Protein backbone atom coordinates (compact mmCIF):
# COMPACT_ATOMS: atom_id res chain seq x y z
CA LYS A 1 -28.92 -55.31 46.65
CA CYS A 2 -29.96 -58.53 44.20
CA ILE A 3 -33.10 -56.40 42.02
CA HIS A 4 -32.31 -54.48 39.23
CA ILE A 5 -35.43 -52.78 37.32
CA PHE A 6 -35.28 -52.19 33.83
CA VAL A 7 -37.29 -49.35 31.99
CA ALA A 8 -38.51 -48.62 28.63
CA ASN A 9 -36.71 -44.10 28.37
CA GLN A 10 -35.55 -41.77 30.11
CA LYS A 11 -38.39 -40.44 31.23
CA GLU A 12 -39.83 -43.87 32.79
CA TYR A 13 -36.25 -43.66 34.57
CA THR A 14 -36.87 -40.30 35.83
CA GLU A 15 -40.05 -41.58 37.25
CA TYR A 16 -39.41 -44.92 39.06
CA SER A 17 -36.48 -42.89 40.62
CA LYS A 18 -38.52 -41.16 42.40
CA GLU A 19 -40.48 -43.98 44.49
CA LEU A 20 -37.31 -46.72 44.17
CA SER A 21 -34.29 -44.61 45.08
CA ASP A 22 -32.93 -48.30 47.11
CA TYR A 23 -33.18 -49.83 43.85
CA LYS A 24 -30.43 -50.23 40.76
CA ILE A 25 -32.81 -48.81 37.67
CA ILE A 26 -31.05 -49.54 34.67
CA VAL A 27 -32.72 -47.79 31.21
CA ALA A 28 -32.72 -50.60 28.37
CA GLN A 29 -34.82 -50.65 25.18
CA LYS A 30 -38.68 -50.02 24.53
CA GLY A 31 -40.65 -53.44 24.02
CA ILE A 32 -40.36 -57.16 25.83
CA THR A 33 -37.76 -58.77 23.63
CA PRO A 34 -35.47 -55.88 22.67
CA ALA A 35 -35.74 -55.25 26.65
CA ARG A 36 -35.33 -58.99 27.88
CA ASN A 37 -32.12 -59.32 25.46
CA PHE A 38 -30.85 -55.86 26.79
CA ILE A 39 -30.75 -57.70 29.85
CA LEU A 40 -29.01 -60.59 28.61
CA ASN A 41 -26.00 -58.60 27.29
CA PHE A 42 -26.10 -56.77 30.14
CA PHE A 43 -24.83 -59.41 32.11
CA PRO A 44 -21.78 -61.65 31.84
CA LEU A 45 -22.53 -65.42 30.46
CA GLY A 46 -23.47 -67.45 33.13
CA LYS A 47 -24.75 -65.21 35.67
CA HIS A 48 -28.09 -66.29 36.90
CA ILE A 49 -30.71 -63.76 36.14
CA VAL A 50 -34.63 -64.20 37.52
CA MET A 51 -37.17 -62.10 34.96
CA ILE A 52 -40.20 -61.00 36.49
CA ASP A 53 -42.84 -58.78 34.79
CA ASP A 54 -44.69 -55.62 37.00
CA ASP A 55 -48.02 -57.26 37.06
CA VAL A 56 -47.21 -60.14 38.76
CA LYS A 57 -50.05 -60.57 42.01
CA ALA A 58 -48.68 -63.73 43.12
CA PHE A 59 -47.51 -66.39 43.89
CA LEU A 60 -49.25 -69.80 44.51
CA GLU A 61 -47.50 -73.79 45.36
CA LEU A 62 -49.64 -76.80 44.84
CA ASP A 63 -50.87 -78.82 47.96
CA HIS A 64 -52.65 -81.61 48.43
CA GLY A 65 -54.71 -80.89 45.36
CA LYS A 66 -54.75 -77.50 46.16
CA LEU A 67 -53.18 -73.81 45.93
CA LYS A 68 -51.38 -71.89 48.63
CA PRO A 69 -49.12 -69.32 48.66
CA LEU A 70 -45.67 -69.63 47.45
CA SER A 71 -43.72 -69.94 51.62
CA SER A 72 -40.31 -68.49 50.26
CA LEU A 73 -39.81 -67.28 46.71
CA LYS A 74 -35.93 -67.48 47.74
CA ARG A 75 -36.01 -70.71 48.29
CA LEU A 76 -37.90 -70.92 44.56
CA ILE A 77 -35.45 -68.88 43.36
CA SER A 78 -32.35 -70.91 44.14
CA LYS A 79 -34.22 -74.58 43.28
CA GLY A 80 -34.42 -73.42 40.58
CA PHE A 81 -31.25 -72.32 39.92
CA LYS A 82 -29.98 -76.08 41.37
CA LEU A 83 -32.34 -77.73 39.55
CA ALA A 84 -30.74 -76.32 36.13
CA GLU A 85 -27.46 -76.78 36.90
CA LYS A 86 -28.24 -80.90 37.86
CA GLU A 87 -30.24 -81.00 34.46
CA GLY A 88 -27.87 -78.92 32.27
CA ALA A 89 -30.99 -76.76 31.37
CA SER A 90 -30.22 -72.58 31.16
CA LEU A 91 -33.84 -72.07 31.64
CA TRP A 92 -36.09 -73.13 34.85
CA GLY A 93 -38.99 -72.47 34.99
CA ILE A 94 -43.24 -72.68 36.46
CA TYR A 95 -46.25 -73.86 35.91
CA PRO A 96 -48.12 -71.27 33.32
CA VAL A 97 -51.74 -71.15 34.73
CA ALA A 98 -53.33 -71.01 38.18
CA ASN A 99 -55.06 -74.39 37.89
CA PRO A 100 -54.51 -76.96 40.66
CA PHE A 101 -56.19 -79.85 38.50
CA PHE A 102 -53.63 -79.55 35.95
CA MET A 103 -50.44 -79.27 37.94
CA SER A 104 -48.54 -81.69 39.44
CA GLN A 105 -45.90 -82.89 41.99
CA GLY A 106 -42.15 -82.61 41.03
CA TYR A 107 -40.55 -80.93 37.97
CA SER A 108 -40.18 -82.12 34.76
CA LYS A 109 -36.85 -81.74 31.81
CA ASN A 110 -38.29 -82.22 28.07
CA LEU A 111 -40.45 -79.52 26.17
CA LYS A 112 -42.94 -77.36 27.64
CA PHE A 113 -43.77 -73.92 27.62
CA VAL A 114 -42.06 -71.47 30.25
CA LEU A 115 -44.17 -68.75 31.01
CA GLY A 116 -42.07 -65.20 29.70
CA THR A 117 -44.08 -63.62 33.06
CA PHE A 118 -41.14 -65.60 35.23
CA PHE A 119 -38.24 -67.68 34.59
CA GLY A 120 -34.48 -67.63 35.39
CA THR A 121 -31.71 -68.02 33.12
CA ILE A 122 -28.38 -69.02 33.39
CA ASN A 123 -27.47 -66.39 30.34
CA PRO A 124 -26.54 -67.81 27.45
CA GLY A 125 -26.54 -65.04 25.85
CA THR A 126 -27.79 -63.12 22.89
CA GLY A 127 -24.98 -64.60 20.39
CA LYS A 128 -24.44 -67.57 17.98
CA ASN A 129 -24.69 -70.22 20.91
CA GLY A 130 -26.86 -67.79 23.26
CA VAL A 131 -30.73 -67.97 22.74
CA ASP A 132 -31.38 -65.01 19.83
CA VAL A 133 -35.76 -64.26 20.83
CA LYS A 134 -36.67 -61.53 17.15
CA TYR A 135 -40.27 -62.07 18.48
CA SER A 136 -42.09 -59.75 21.36
CA GLU A 137 -45.00 -61.48 20.81
CA LYS A 138 -45.50 -64.85 21.37
CA ASP A 139 -41.31 -64.59 22.83
CA ASP A 140 -41.58 -67.11 25.35
CA TYR A 141 -42.77 -69.93 23.11
CA GLU A 142 -40.08 -68.86 20.92
CA ARG A 143 -37.77 -69.13 24.20
CA SER A 144 -39.15 -72.46 24.99
CA ILE A 145 -38.45 -73.49 21.75
CA LEU A 146 -34.92 -72.18 21.35
CA SER A 147 -33.99 -73.07 25.15
CA TRP A 148 -34.62 -76.27 24.59
CA GLU A 149 -32.88 -77.08 20.66
CA ARG A 150 -30.01 -75.23 22.29
CA ASP A 151 -30.34 -77.84 25.69
CA GLY A 152 -32.13 -80.18 24.75
CA VAL A 153 -33.36 -80.21 28.36
CA ILE A 154 -35.63 -77.14 30.50
CA VAL A 155 -36.49 -77.15 33.87
CA ARG A 156 -39.91 -76.84 34.85
CA MET A 157 -41.43 -77.23 38.41
CA ASN A 158 -44.47 -78.21 37.66
CA ASP A 159 -46.03 -77.67 41.51
CA VAL A 160 -45.63 -73.38 40.94
CA THR A 161 -47.46 -71.24 39.64
CA LEU A 162 -48.90 -67.65 39.81
CA ARG A 163 -51.98 -64.68 39.19
CA THR A 164 -51.12 -62.00 37.52
CA ALA A 165 -53.08 -58.90 36.07
CA PHE A 166 -52.68 -59.68 32.43
CA TYR A 167 -54.55 -57.06 30.39
CA LYS A 168 -55.79 -55.33 33.06
CA GLU A 169 -52.83 -52.21 33.48
CA PRO A 170 -52.32 -49.31 31.97
CA GLY A 171 -49.84 -49.27 29.49
CA GLY A 172 -47.43 -52.46 28.49
CA MET A 173 -48.32 -54.37 25.80
CA GLN A 174 -52.27 -54.84 25.50
CA SER A 175 -51.91 -51.26 24.66
CA ASP A 176 -50.70 -51.30 21.34
CA PRO A 177 -53.83 -51.38 19.07
CA LYS A 178 -51.54 -53.71 16.02
CA ARG A 179 -50.69 -56.45 18.84
CA LEU A 180 -53.61 -59.10 17.14
CA GLU A 181 -51.85 -58.49 13.93
CA LYS A 182 -48.15 -58.86 15.66
CA GLN A 183 -49.84 -62.14 17.37
CA GLN A 184 -50.57 -62.95 13.56
CA VAL A 185 -47.01 -62.74 12.26
CA ALA A 186 -45.00 -63.96 15.40
CA VAL A 187 -48.20 -67.15 15.66
CA LYS A 188 -47.40 -67.72 11.63
CA ARG A 189 -43.16 -67.42 11.28
CA LEU A 190 -43.24 -70.45 15.05
CA LEU A 191 -45.45 -72.45 12.68
CA LYS A 192 -43.37 -72.58 9.95
CA LYS A 193 -40.33 -72.59 11.47
CA TRP A 194 -41.35 -75.30 14.29
CA PRO A 195 -44.11 -77.68 12.60
CA GLN A 196 -42.98 -80.62 15.17
CA TYR A 197 -43.68 -78.02 17.97
CA VAL A 198 -46.83 -76.13 17.34
CA ARG A 199 -50.19 -76.37 16.94
CA LEU A 200 -52.63 -73.33 16.24
CA ASN A 201 -55.01 -73.47 18.92
CA PRO A 202 -58.18 -71.75 16.43
CA LYS A 203 -59.77 -70.82 19.81
CA ARG A 204 -57.32 -68.75 21.37
């Protein structure tokens, strides 16, 4: 009852409805950023929303220097929103890389990258006082910075992470032949607009 599935078009709606008839399925817009903005505008301001991509394979938590399966996704989500409300943040997330060597117990409140694959938001909307992401490439970098500038705080739980099937399944953003070109445009825009926050990684 808590889950909404947002799809790109009527064809996807028909396909998903056959397999997931008990779920709320909504035709949004095609493209990750138009879809996410559609979702924010679909729900009222202040609504607790978790966005999760369809290629997440596992959630993991740090336990004595090692990763183990997350004990409860429901508790993680509840904790994320409680911390966000406590700290005055509209955005919360988890550690972006499944590498226990770099992870740590607890959460941070400063400017940290929040992975777009899974995050929670106390809906700020996309209007003048909201978080209006423009680009579909590097959208999670843009969202992190916009949320930081809006709130002055981002909650990131650094002892929880995930594994995905990034670039391994058909369809999705990786199937776009112009993706690299779009990434380069987005990176240049981020570097120009926020040189104090962003630097280029020449290895990627």
